[in-house]
Protein backbone atom coordinates (compact mmCIF):
# COMPACT_ATOMS: atom_id res chain seq x y z
CA MET A 1 -78.09 60.68 -91.09
CA HIS A 2 -76.66 57.49 -89.69
CA HIS A 3 -73.85 57.94 -87.19
CA THR A 4 -71.60 55.37 -85.56
CA VAL A 5 -71.09 54.83 -81.86
CA GLU A 6 -67.80 53.64 -80.39
CA ALA A 7 -65.60 54.88 -83.24
CA GLU A 8 -63.58 57.63 -81.58
CA HIS A 9 -60.13 57.16 -80.08
CA ARG A 10 -61.44 56.57 -76.53
CA SER A 11 -63.81 53.80 -77.62
CA GLY A 12 -63.09 50.11 -77.55
CA ASP A 13 -60.02 48.34 -76.32
CA ARG A 14 -57.39 49.73 -78.68
CA GLN A 15 -53.98 50.11 -77.11
CA GLY A 16 -51.35 52.67 -77.98
CA CYS A 17 -47.67 52.14 -78.71
CA LEU A 18 -45.51 50.62 -76.02
CA ARG A 19 -43.57 53.25 -74.11
CA GLY A 20 -40.42 54.25 -75.98
CA THR A 21 -41.42 52.67 -79.31
CA ARG A 22 -42.31 54.35 -82.61
CA ARG A 23 -40.51 57.53 -81.53
CA ASP A 24 -39.51 58.59 -85.06
CA ILE A 25 -43.00 58.47 -86.55
CA LEU A 26 -44.57 60.06 -83.46
CA LEU A 27 -42.03 62.91 -83.70
CA GLN A 28 -42.91 63.31 -87.40
CA LEU A 29 -46.58 63.51 -86.48
CA GLU A 30 -45.95 66.06 -83.75
CA ASP A 31 -43.86 68.15 -86.16
CA TRP A 32 -46.64 67.94 -88.76
CA LEU A 33 -49.19 69.07 -86.16
CA GLU A 34 -47.13 72.08 -85.13
CA ASN A 35 -45.78 73.02 -88.59
CA GLU A 36 -48.28 71.67 -91.10
CA GLN A 37 -47.21 74.22 -93.77
CA ASN A 38 -50.32 73.72 -95.92
CA GLN A 39 -50.22 69.93 -95.50
CA ARG A 40 -53.57 69.33 -93.85
CA VAL A 41 -53.33 65.57 -94.18
CA PHE A 42 -50.63 63.29 -92.83
CA TRP A 43 -50.85 60.12 -94.88
CA LEU A 44 -49.91 57.19 -92.67
CA ASN A 45 -49.66 54.07 -94.82
CA GLY A 46 -48.22 50.60 -94.67
CA LEU A 47 -49.06 46.94 -94.95
CA ALA A 48 -51.76 45.37 -92.78
CA GLY A 49 -50.54 44.63 -89.29
CA THR A 50 -47.62 47.06 -89.29
CA GLY A 51 -49.01 49.29 -86.54
CA LYS A 52 -50.81 52.13 -88.32
CA THR A 53 -53.83 52.00 -86.01
CA THR A 54 -51.62 51.73 -82.94
CA ILE A 55 -49.66 54.80 -84.03
CA ALA A 56 -52.88 56.70 -84.78
CA GLN A 57 -54.27 55.68 -81.37
CA THR A 58 -51.15 56.92 -79.60
CA PHE A 59 -51.17 60.19 -81.52
CA ALA A 60 -54.88 60.70 -80.79
CA ASP A 61 -54.25 60.06 -77.09
CA ILE A 62 -51.38 62.55 -77.01
CA THR A 63 -53.23 65.29 -78.88
CA PHE A 64 -56.40 64.73 -76.82
CA ALA A 65 -54.41 65.12 -73.59
CA GLU A 66 -52.93 68.35 -74.96
CA GLY A 67 -56.34 69.70 -76.02
CA LYS A 68 -55.33 69.60 -79.69
CA LEU A 69 -57.39 66.71 -81.03
CA GLY A 70 -60.04 68.04 -83.40
CA ALA A 71 -61.87 64.76 -83.95
CA SER A 72 -61.27 61.07 -84.43
CA PHE A 73 -62.91 58.17 -86.21
CA PHE A 74 -61.26 54.76 -86.18
CA CYS A 75 -62.41 52.56 -89.05
CA SER A 76 -62.48 48.80 -88.58
CA ARG A 77 -63.31 46.00 -90.97
CA ASP A 78 -64.41 43.97 -87.93
CA PHE A 79 -67.44 46.22 -87.24
CA GLU A 80 -69.98 46.93 -89.96
CA ASP A 81 -70.83 50.45 -88.78
CA ARG A 82 -67.14 51.39 -88.57
CA SER A 83 -66.33 50.06 -92.04
CA ASN A 84 -68.95 52.19 -93.78
CA LEU A 85 -67.19 55.25 -95.22
CA GLN A 86 -70.51 57.08 -95.49
CA ALA A 87 -70.79 57.09 -91.69
CA ILE A 88 -67.59 59.05 -91.08
CA PHE A 89 -68.83 62.61 -91.68
CA PRO A 90 -72.23 62.16 -89.96
CA THR A 91 -70.45 60.60 -86.97
CA LEU A 92 -67.94 63.42 -86.71
CA ALA A 93 -70.75 65.97 -87.00
CA TYR A 94 -72.75 64.18 -84.30
CA ARG A 95 -69.81 63.95 -81.88
CA TYR A 96 -67.99 67.25 -82.48
CA LEU A 97 -69.93 70.51 -82.50
CA ARG A 98 -67.17 72.53 -84.18
CA PHE A 99 -66.99 70.00 -87.01
CA GLN A 100 -70.78 70.06 -87.30
CA GLU A 101 -70.78 73.84 -87.64
CA GLN A 102 -68.16 73.76 -90.40
CA LEU A 103 -69.86 70.88 -92.21
CA LEU A 104 -73.20 72.72 -92.16
CA LYS A 105 -71.56 75.78 -93.74
CA VAL A 106 -70.22 73.63 -96.57
CA LEU A 107 -73.53 71.82 -97.06
CA ARG A 108 -75.49 75.08 -97.15
CA THR A 109 -73.31 76.46 -99.94
CA ASN A 110 -72.91 73.13 -101.76
CA PRO A 111 -75.92 70.92 -100.97
CA ASP A 112 -74.95 68.30 -103.57
CA ILE A 113 -71.35 67.92 -102.43
CA GLY A 114 -71.95 64.47 -100.98
CA TRP A 115 -73.14 63.13 -104.31
CA ARG A 116 -70.16 64.53 -106.18
CA CYS A 117 -67.70 62.77 -103.88
CA TRP A 118 -69.11 59.26 -104.32
């Protein structure tokens, strides 16, 4: 399976939020992390150029430093291998052993799951 290099939060030259900015959304993310209450996904949306990637980068940096980051994959339309949605799961499985173990369990019980999703 094809995996992507340089897609995790520590790759490339992405910068996080400037100190003291985006406090409200970062607090919301931290609250979600600690009290997800069956909400496994935090949907961060907005128009292009409004700072979604910067916020995600900052949150990934914070959770990585705290030992809470499970995995990260930063998509980018500027890089072909990071704009291919089919590379996300193989990349996460390649980089993160715990994710790989869980993915293998799912694939063993549902070997056609990848075809049903596309």
